[in-house]
Amino acid sequence: MSMERTPLMVLGGFEPGYLGLENFYFGSAVSMQDVLSTTPILLQRLEPSLAAMISARDRIGIHPRTHSPPLIRGYFDKHKPV
């Protein structure tokens, strides 16, 4: 990736099975621009169907935290800065 002609590299690591749910992968990422802080990431695997991909595409964007399911809010609440 690049941002305004500046190379940007983000490294991430994930583990399967957040809270025993096989379709969630959890981990963290670090930007090479700021290697002192990590960012929590939670990925959800989609069903391999066009309908699932279109549905996910329609939900992309920035949304209030209150619109997220409790499972997702809980993950990020554990990792919010103090």
PDB file of N, CA and C in Angstrom:
ATOM      1  N   MET A   1       0.841  -1.175   0.000  1.00  0.00           N
ATOM      2  CA  MET A   1       0.000   0.000   0.000  1.00  0.00           C
ATOM      3  C   MET A   1       0.885   1.236   0.000  1.00  0.00           C
ATOM      4  N   SER A   2       0.329   2.328  -0.432  1.00  0.00           N
ATOM      5  CA  SER A   2       1.056   3.588  -0.330  1.00  0.00           C
ATOM      6  C   SER A   2       0.068   4.693  -0.019  1.00  0.00           C
ATOM      7  N   MET A   3       0.592   5.721   0.586  1.00  0.00           N
ATOM      8  CA  MET A   3      -0.237   6.849   0.963  1.00  0.00           C
ATOM      9  C   MET A   3       0.533   8.109   0.591  1.00  0.00           C
ATOM     10  N   GLU A   4       0.045   8.834  -0.388  1.00  0.00           N
ATOM     11  CA  GLU A   4       0.695  10.060  -0.860  1.00  0.00           C
ATOM     12  C   GLU A   4       2.175   9.830  -1.142  1.00  0.00           C
ATOM     13  N   ARG A   5       2.451   8.831  -1.961  1.00  0.00           N
ATOM     14  CA  ARG A   5       3.804   8.490  -2.409  1.00  0.00           C
ATOM     15  C   ARG A   5       4.723   8.008  -1.297  1.00  0.00           C
ATOM     16  N   THR A   6       4.182   7.700  -0.142  1.00  0.00           N
ATOM     17  CA  THR A   6       4.961   7.159   0.951  1.00  0.00           C
ATOM     18  C   THR A   6       4.590   5.688   1.108  1.00  0.00           C
ATOM     19  N   PRO A   7       5.552   4.795   1.013  1.00  0.00           N
ATOM     20  CA  PRO A   7       5.219   3.377   1.190  1.00  0.00           C
ATOM     21  C   PRO A   7       4.672   3.126   2.596  1.00  0.00           C
ATOM     22  N   LEU A   8       3.673   2.312   2.660  1.00  0.00           N
ATOM     23  CA  LEU A   8       3.050   1.986   3.933  1.00  0.00           C
ATOM     24  C   LEU A   8       2.933   0.471   4.024  1.00  0.00           C
ATOM     25  N   MET A   9       3.475  -0.097   5.077  1.00  0.00           N
ATOM     26  CA  MET A   9       3.400  -1.541   5.247  1.00  0.00           C
ATOM     27  C   MET A   9       2.727  -1.842   6.579  1.00  0.00           C
ATOM     28  N   VAL A  10       1.768  -2.733   6.528  1.00  0.00           N
ATOM     29  CA  VAL A  10       1.058  -3.153   7.730  1.00  0.00           C
ATOM     30  C   VAL A  10       1.214  -4.662   7.850  1.00  0.00           C
ATOM     31  N   LEU A  11       1.684  -5.109   8.998  1.00  0.00           N
ATOM     32  CA  LEU A  11       1.855  -6.531   9.250  1.00  0.00           C
ATOM     33  C   LEU A  11       0.808  -6.971  10.258  1.00  0.00           C
ATOM     34  N   GLY A  12       0.172  -8.100   9.981  1.00  0.00           N
ATOM     35  CA  GLY A  12      -0.862  -8.590  10.888  1.00  0.00           C
ATOM     36  C   GLY A  12      -0.719 -10.081  11.124  1.00  0.00           C
ATOM     37  N   GLY A  13      -1.175 -10.515  12.262  1.00  0.00           N
ATOM     38  CA  GLY A  13      -1.190 -11.933  12.594  1.00  0.00           C
ATOM     39  C   GLY A  13      -2.547 -12.288  13.170  1.00  0.00           C
ATOM     40  N   PHE A  14      -3.055 -13.443  12.785  1.00  0.00           N
ATOM     41  CA  PHE A  14      -4.397 -13.842  13.199  1.00  0.00           C
ATOM     42  C   PHE A  14      -4.410 -15.278  13.697  1.00  0.00           C
ATOM     43  N   GLU A  15      -5.338 -15.548  14.590  1.00  0.00           N
ATOM     44  CA  GLU A  15      -5.583 -16.900  15.078  1.00  0.00           C
ATOM     45  C   GLU A  15      -7.052 -17.227  14.834  1.00  0.00           C
ATOM     46  N   PRO A  16      -7.350 -18.455  14.459  1.00  0.00           N
ATOM     47  CA  PRO A  16      -8.754 -18.828  14.245  1.00  0.00           C
ATOM     48  C   PRO A  16      -9.466 -19.115  15.560  1.00  0.00           C
ATOM     49  N   GLY A  17     -10.774 -18.982  15.537  1.00  0.00           N
ATOM     50  CA  GLY A  17     -11.597 -19.441  16.647  1.00  0.00           C
ATOM     51  C   GLY A  17     -11.764 -18.478  17.792  1.00  0.00           C
ATOM     52  N   TYR A  18     -12.091 -17.224  17.533  1.00  0.00           N
ATOM     53  CA  TYR A  18     -12.352 -16.281  18.623  1.00  0.00           C
ATOM     54  C   TYR A  18     -13.545 -16.766  19.424  1.00  0.00           C
ATOM     55  N   LEU A  19     -13.349 -16.964  20.715  1.00  0.00           N
ATOM     56  CA  LEU A  19     -14.370 -17.481  21.638  1.00  0.00           C
ATOM     57  C   LEU A  19     -14.975 -18.796  21.136  1.00  0.00           C
ATOM     58  N   GLY A  20     -14.175 -19.598  20.454  1.00  0.00           N
ATOM     59  CA  GLY A  20     -14.635 -20.892  19.961  1.00  0.00           C
ATOM     60  C   GLY A  20     -15.453 -20.826  18.682  1.00  0.00           C
ATOM     61  N   LEU A  21     -15.591 -19.652  18.096  1.00  0.00           N
ATOM     62  CA  LEU A  21     -16.362 -19.497  16.857  1.00  0.00           C
ATOM     63  C   LEU A  21     -15.413 -19.623  15.667  1.00  0.00           C
ATOM     64  N   GLU A  22     -15.588 -20.670  14.884  1.00  0.00           N
ATOM     65  CA  GLU A  22     -14.645 -20.979  13.808  1.00  0.00           C
ATOM     66  C   GLU A  22     -14.615 -19.934  12.699  1.00  0.00           C
ATOM     67  N   ASN A  23     -15.680 -19.161  12.528  1.00  0.00           N
ATOM     68  CA  ASN A  23     -15.692 -18.195  11.425  1.00  0.00           C
ATOM     69  C   ASN A  23     -15.113 -16.828  11.813  1.00  0.00           C
ATOM     70  N   PHE A  24     -14.578 -16.683  13.033  1.00  0.00           N
ATOM     71  CA  PHE A  24     -13.931 -15.443  13.452  1.00  0.00           C
ATOM     72  C   PHE A  24     -12.438 -15.677  13.656  1.00  0.00           C
ATOM     73  N   TYR A  25     -11.638 -14.765  13.134  1.00  0.00           N
ATOM     74  CA  TYR A  25     -10.193 -14.784  13.303  1.00  0.00           C
ATOM     75  C   TYR A  25      -9.811 -13.511  14.041  1.00  0.00           C
ATOM     76  N   PHE A  26      -8.996 -13.648  15.086  1.00  0.00           N
ATOM     77  CA  PHE A  26      -8.627 -12.474  15.869  1.00  0.00           C
ATOM     78  C   PHE A  26      -7.111 -12.310  15.871  1.00  0.00           C
ATOM     79  N   GLY A  27      -6.691 -11.105  16.068  1.00  0.00           N
ATOM     80  CA  GLY A  27      -5.261 -10.826  16.089  1.00  0.00           C
ATOM     81  C   GLY A  27      -5.004  -9.348  16.181  1.00  0.00           C
ATOM     82  N   SER A  28      -3.828  -8.967  15.709  1.00  0.00           N
ATOM     83  CA  SER A  28      -3.476  -7.557  15.747  1.00  0.00           C
ATOM     84  C   SER A  28      -2.585  -7.221  14.566  1.00  0.00           C
ATOM     85  N   ALA A  29      -2.466  -5.939  14.315  1.00  0.00           N
ATOM     86  CA  ALA A  29      -1.641  -5.454  13.211  1.00  0.00           C
ATOM     87  C   ALA A  29      -0.783  -4.307  13.724  1.00  0.00           C
ATOM     88  N   VAL A  30       0.342  -4.130  13.067  1.00  0.00           N
ATOM     89  CA  VAL A  30       1.233  -3.022  13.389  1.00  0.00           C
ATOM     90  C   VAL A  30       1.625  -2.358  12.079  1.00  0.00           C
ATOM     91  N   SER A  31       1.613  -1.050  12.088  1.00  0.00           N
ATOM     92  CA  SER A  31       2.015  -0.269  10.920  1.00  0.00           C
ATOM     93  C   SER A  31       3.511   0.008  11.031  1.00  0.00           C
ATOM     94  N   MET A  32       4.198  -0.066   9.934  1.00  0.00           N
ATOM     95  CA  MET A  32       5.633   0.215   9.961  1.00  0.00           C
ATOM     96  C   MET A  32       5.897   1.699  10.197  1.00  0.00           C
ATOM     97  N   GLN A  33       4.867   2.529  10.095  1.00  0.00           N
ATOM     98  CA  GLN A  33       5.006   3.957  10.402  1.00  0.00           C
ATOM     99  C   GLN A  33       4.985   4.194  11.913  1.00  0.00           C
ATOM    100  N   ASP A  34       4.311   3.311  12.651  1.00  0.00           N
ATOM    101  CA  ASP A  34       4.177   3.456  14.107  1.00  0.00           C
ATOM    102  C   ASP A  34       4.326   2.076  14.731  1.00  0.00           C
ATOM    103  N   VAL A  35       5.555   1.619  14.866  1.00  0.00           N
ATOM    104  CA  VAL A  35       5.785   0.248  15.335  1.00  0.00           C
ATOM    105  C   VAL A  35       5.619   0.090  16.843  1.00  0.00           C
ATOM    106  N   LEU A  36       5.343   1.171  17.545  1.00  0.00           N
ATOM    107  CA  LEU A  36       5.208   1.095  18.995  1.00  0.00           C
ATOM    108  C   LEU A  36       3.807   0.719  19.458  1.00  0.00           C
ATOM    109  N   SER A  37       2.830   0.791  18.573  1.00  0.00           N
ATOM    110  CA  SER A  37       1.471   0.442  18.996  1.00  0.00           C
ATOM    111  C   SER A  37       0.845  -0.533  18.003  1.00  0.00           C
ATOM    112  N   THR A  38       0.092  -1.451  18.542  1.00  0.00           N
ATOM    113  CA  THR A  38      -0.615  -2.420  17.704  1.00  0.00           C
ATOM    114  C   THR A  38      -2.095  -2.075  17.678  1.00  0.00           C
ATOM    115  N   THR A  39      -2.772  -2.565  16.670  1.00  0.00           N
ATOM    116  CA  THR A  39      -4.200  -2.343  16.497  1.00  0.00           C
ATOM    117  C   THR A  39      -4.901  -3.693  16.494  1.00  0.00           C
ATOM    118  N   PRO A  40      -5.914  -3.892  17.336  1.00  0.00           N
ATOM    119  CA  PRO A  40      -6.639  -5.159  17.314  1.00  0.00           C
ATOM    120  C   PRO A  40      -7.473  -5.282  16.041  1.00  0.00           C
ATOM    121  N   ILE A  41      -7.544  -6.500  15.534  1.00  0.00           N
ATOM    122  CA  ILE A  41      -8.320  -6.768  14.326  1.00  0.00           C
ATOM    123  C   ILE A  41      -9.150  -8.029  14.550  1.00  0.00           C
ATOM    124  N   LEU A  42     -10.385  -7.987  14.097  1.00  0.00           N
ATOM    125  CA  LEU A  42     -11.275  -9.141  14.165  1.00  0.00           C
ATOM    126  C   LEU A  42     -11.856  -9.350  12.770  1.00  0.00           C
ATOM    127  N   LEU A  43     -11.594 -10.506  12.194  1.00  0.00           N
ATOM    128  CA  LEU A  43     -12.082 -10.826  10.858  1.00  0.00           C
ATOM    129  C   LEU A  43     -13.187 -11.870  10.950  1.00  0.00           C
ATOM    130  N   GLN A  44     -14.165 -11.745  10.098  1.00  0.00           N
ATOM    131  CA  GLN A  44     -15.228 -12.741  10.029  1.00  0.00           C
ATOM    132  C   GLN A  44     -15.203 -13.362   8.634  1.00  0.00           C
ATOM    133  N   ARG A  45     -15.076 -14.670   8.589  1.00  0.00           N
ATOM    134  CA  ARG A  45     -15.060 -15.376   7.307  1.00  0.00           C
ATOM    135  C   ARG A  45     -16.468 -15.414   6.737  1.00  0.00           C
ATOM    136  N   LEU A  46     -16.584 -15.090   5.461  1.00  0.00           N
ATOM    137  CA  LEU A  46     -17.879 -15.104   4.790  1.00  0.00           C
ATOM    138  C   LEU A  46     -18.172 -16.479   4.211  1.00  0.00           C
ATOM    139  N   GLU A  47     -19.443 -16.751   4.019  1.00  0.00           N
ATOM    140  CA  GLU A  47     -19.830 -17.949   3.282  1.00  0.00           C
ATOM    141  C   GLU A  47     -19.377 -17.768   1.840  1.00  0.00           C
ATOM    142  N   PRO A  48     -18.955 -18.840   1.185  1.00  0.00           N
ATOM    143  CA  PRO A  48     -18.494 -18.696  -0.198  1.00  0.00           C
ATOM    144  C   PRO A  48     -19.655 -18.590  -1.189  1.00  0.00           C
ATOM    145  N   SER A  49     -20.390 -17.478  -1.092  1.00  0.00           N
ATOM    146  CA  SER A  49     -21.502 -17.280  -2.021  1.00  0.00           C
ATOM    147  C   SER A  49     -21.541 -15.815  -2.447  1.00  0.00           C
ATOM    148  N   LEU A  50     -22.051 -15.594  -3.616  1.00  0.00           N
ATOM    149  CA  LEU A  50     -22.159 -14.232  -4.135  1.00  0.00           C
ATOM    150  C   LEU A  50     -23.084 -13.388  -3.258  1.00  0.00           C
ATOM    151  N   ALA A  51     -24.152 -13.972  -2.771  1.00  0.00           N
ATOM    152  CA  ALA A  51     -25.094 -13.235  -1.926  1.00  0.00           C
ATOM    153  C   ALA A  51     -24.423 -12.752  -0.640  1.00  0.00           C
ATOM    154  N   ALA A  52     -23.587 -13.580  -0.022  1.00  0.00           N
ATOM    155  CA  ALA A  52     -22.888 -13.190   1.209  1.00  0.00           C
ATOM    156  C   ALA A  52     -21.908 -12.064   0.932  1.00  0.00           C
ATOM    157  N   MET A  53     -21.223 -12.130  -0.203  1.00  0.00           N
ATOM    158  CA  MET A  53     -20.265 -11.076  -0.552  1.00  0.00           C
ATOM    159  C   MET A  53     -20.966  -9.754  -0.839  1.00  0.00           C
ATOM    160  N   ILE A  54     -22.085  -9.802  -1.523  1.00  0.00           N
ATOM    161  CA  ILE A  54     -22.829  -8.573  -1.820  1.00  0.00           C
ATOM    162  C   ILE A  54     -23.385  -7.969  -0.535  1.00  0.00           C
ATOM    163  N   SER A  55     -23.892  -8.806   0.342  1.00  0.00           N
ATOM    164  CA  SER A  55     -24.407  -8.328   1.620  1.00  0.00           C
ATOM    165  C   SER A  55     -23.305  -7.652   2.437  1.00  0.00           C
ATOM    166  N   ALA A  56     -22.112  -8.256   2.475  1.00  0.00           N
ATOM    167  CA  ALA A  56     -20.991  -7.674   3.210  1.00  0.00           C
ATOM    168  C   ALA A  56     -20.565  -6.358   2.573  1.00  0.00           C
ATOM    169  N   ARG A  57     -20.548  -6.314   1.255  1.00  0.00           N
ATOM    170  CA  ARG A  57     -20.176  -5.082   0.550  1.00  0.00           C
ATOM    171  C   ARG A  57     -21.122  -3.944   0.918  1.00  0.00           C
ATOM    172  N   ASP A  58     -22.397  -4.241   1.039  1.00  0.00           N
ATOM    173  CA  ASP A  58     -23.384  -3.210   1.347  1.00  0.00           C
ATOM    174  C   ASP A  58     -23.253  -2.685   2.777  1.00  0.00           C
ATOM    175  N   ARG A  59     -22.606  -3.451   3.660  1.00  0.00           N
ATOM    176  CA  ARG A  59     -22.430  -3.028   5.054  1.00  0.00           C
ATOM    177  C   ARG A  59     -21.115  -2.303   5.295  1.00  0.00           C
ATOM    178  N   ILE A  60     -20.245  -2.208   4.290  1.00  0.00           N
ATOM    179  CA  ILE A  60     -18.942  -1.572   4.454  1.00  0.00           C
ATOM    180  C   ILE A  60     -19.126  -0.095   4.758  1.00  0.00           C
ATOM    181  N   GLY A  61     -18.296   0.421   5.643  1.00  0.00           N
ATOM    182  CA  GLY A  61     -18.332   1.836   5.970  1.00  0.00           C
ATOM    183  C   GLY A  61     -18.057   2.055   7.442  1.00  0.00           C
ATOM    184  N   ILE A  62     -18.137   3.270   7.862  1.00  0.00           N
ATOM    185  CA  ILE A  62     -17.944   3.616   9.267  1.00  0.00           C
ATOM    186  C   ILE A  62     -19.318   3.719   9.904  1.00  0.00           C
ATOM    187  N   HIS A  63     -19.503   2.959  10.970  1.00  0.00           N
ATOM    188  CA  HIS A  63     -20.794   2.903  11.657  1.00  0.00           C
ATOM    189  C   HIS A  63     -20.586   3.122  13.153  1.00  0.00           C
ATOM    190  N   PRO A  64     -21.584   3.636  13.860  1.00  0.00           N
ATOM    191  CA  PRO A  64     -21.481   3.764  15.316  1.00  0.00           C
ATOM    192  C   PRO A  64     -21.269   2.392  15.966  1.00  0.00           C
ATOM    193  N   ARG A  65     -20.518   2.386  17.050  1.00  0.00           N
ATOM    194  CA  ARG A  65     -20.256   1.115  17.763  1.00  0.00           C
ATOM    195  C   ARG A  65     -21.549   0.424  18.184  1.00  0.00           C
ATOM    196  N   THR A  66     -22.579   1.205  18.462  1.00  0.00           N
ATOM    197  CA  THR A  66     -23.832   0.613  18.934  1.00  0.00           C
ATOM    198  C   THR A  66     -24.488  -0.263  17.874  1.00  0.00           C
ATOM    199  N   HIS A  67     -24.105  -0.108  16.594  1.00  0.00           N
ATOM    200  CA  HIS A  67     -24.669  -0.935  15.534  1.00  0.00           C
ATOM    201  C   HIS A  67     -23.966  -2.288  15.403  1.00  0.00           C
ATOM    202  N   SER A  68     -22.856  -2.466  16.129  1.00  0.00           N
ATOM    203  CA  SER A  68     -22.121  -3.732  16.076  1.00  0.00           C
ATOM    204  C   SER A  68     -22.738  -4.725  17.051  1.00  0.00           C
ATOM    205  N   PRO A  69     -22.697  -6.026  16.706  1.00  0.00           N
ATOM    206  CA  PRO A  69     -23.182  -7.044  17.642  1.00  0.00           C
ATOM    207  C   PRO A  69     -22.343  -7.044  18.924  1.00  0.00           C
ATOM    208  N   PRO A  70     -22.913  -7.492  20.047  1.00  0.00           N
ATOM    209  CA  PRO A  70     -22.181  -7.514  21.325  1.00  0.00           C
ATOM    210  C   PRO A  70     -20.855  -8.275  21.254  1.00  0.00           C
ATOM    211  N   LEU A  71     -20.789  -9.329  20.471  1.00  0.00           N
ATOM    212  CA  LEU A  71     -19.551 -10.101  20.336  1.00  0.00           C
ATOM    213  C   LEU A  71     -18.422  -9.219  19.807  1.00  0.00           C
ATOM    214  N   ILE A  72     -18.702  -8.427  18.809  1.00  0.00           N
ATOM    215  CA  ILE A  72     -17.686  -7.571  18.198  1.00  0.00           C
ATOM    216  C   ILE A  72     -17.355  -6.391  19.115  1.00  0.00           C
ATOM    217  N   ARG A  73     -18.362  -5.773  19.707  1.00  0.00           N
ATOM    218  CA  ARG A  73     -18.100  -4.671  20.649  1.00  0.00           C
ATOM    219  C   ARG A  73     -17.237  -5.149  21.803  1.00  0.00           C
ATOM    220  N   GLY A  74     -17.517  -6.332  22.321  1.00  0.00           N
ATOM    221  CA  GLY A  74     -16.753  -6.878  23.439  1.00  0.00           C
ATOM    222  C   GLY A  74     -15.286  -7.076  23.107  1.00  0.00           C
ATOM    223  N   TYR A  75     -15.004  -7.546  21.898  1.00  0.00           N
ATOM    224  CA  TYR A  75     -13.603  -7.747  21.498  1.00  0.00           C
ATOM    225  C   TYR A  75     -12.842  -6.428  21.516  1.00  0.00           C
ATOM    226  N   PHE A  76     -13.418  -5.398  20.932  1.00  0.00           N
ATOM    227  CA  PHE A  76     -12.719  -4.117  20.861  1.00  0.00           C
ATOM    228  C   PHE A  76     -12.731  -3.382  22.190  1.00  0.00           C
ATOM    229  N   ASP A  77     -13.733  -3.614  23.040  1.00  0.00           N
ATOM    230  CA  ASP A  77     -13.741  -3.006  24.373  1.00  0.00           C
ATOM    231  C   ASP A  77     -12.574  -3.527  25.214  1.00  0.00           C
ATOM    232  N   LYS A  78     -12.216  -4.801  25.015  1.00  0.00           N
ATOM    233  CA  LYS A  78     -11.080  -5.377  25.753  1.00  0.00           C
ATOM    234  C   LYS A  78      -9.766  -4.723  25.368  1.00  0.00           C
ATOM    235  N   HIS A  79      -9.682  -4.194  24.148  1.00  0.00           N
ATOM    236  CA  HIS A  79      -8.415  -3.673  23.639  1.00  0.00           C
ATOM    237  C   HIS A  79      -8.368  -2.155  23.515  1.00  0.00           C
ATOM    238  N   LYS A  80      -9.368  -1.449  24.048  1.00  0.00           N
ATOM    239  CA  LYS A  80      -9.327   0.008  23.879  1.00  0.00           C
ATOM    240  C   LYS A  80      -8.272   0.609  24.808  1.00  0.00           C
ATOM    241  N   PRO A  81      -7.636   1.676  24.355  1.00  0.00           N
ATOM    242  CA  PRO A  81      -6.573   2.291  25.159  1.00  0.00           C
ATOM    243  C   PRO A  81      -7.109   2.853  26.460  1.00  0.00           C
ATOM    244  N   VAL A  82      -6.256   2.852  27.458  1.00  0.00           N
ATOM    245  CA  VAL A  82      -6.640   3.363  28.786  1.00  0.00           C
ATOM    246  C   VAL A  82      -6.428   4.841  28.858  1.00  0.00           C
TER     247      VAL A  82
END
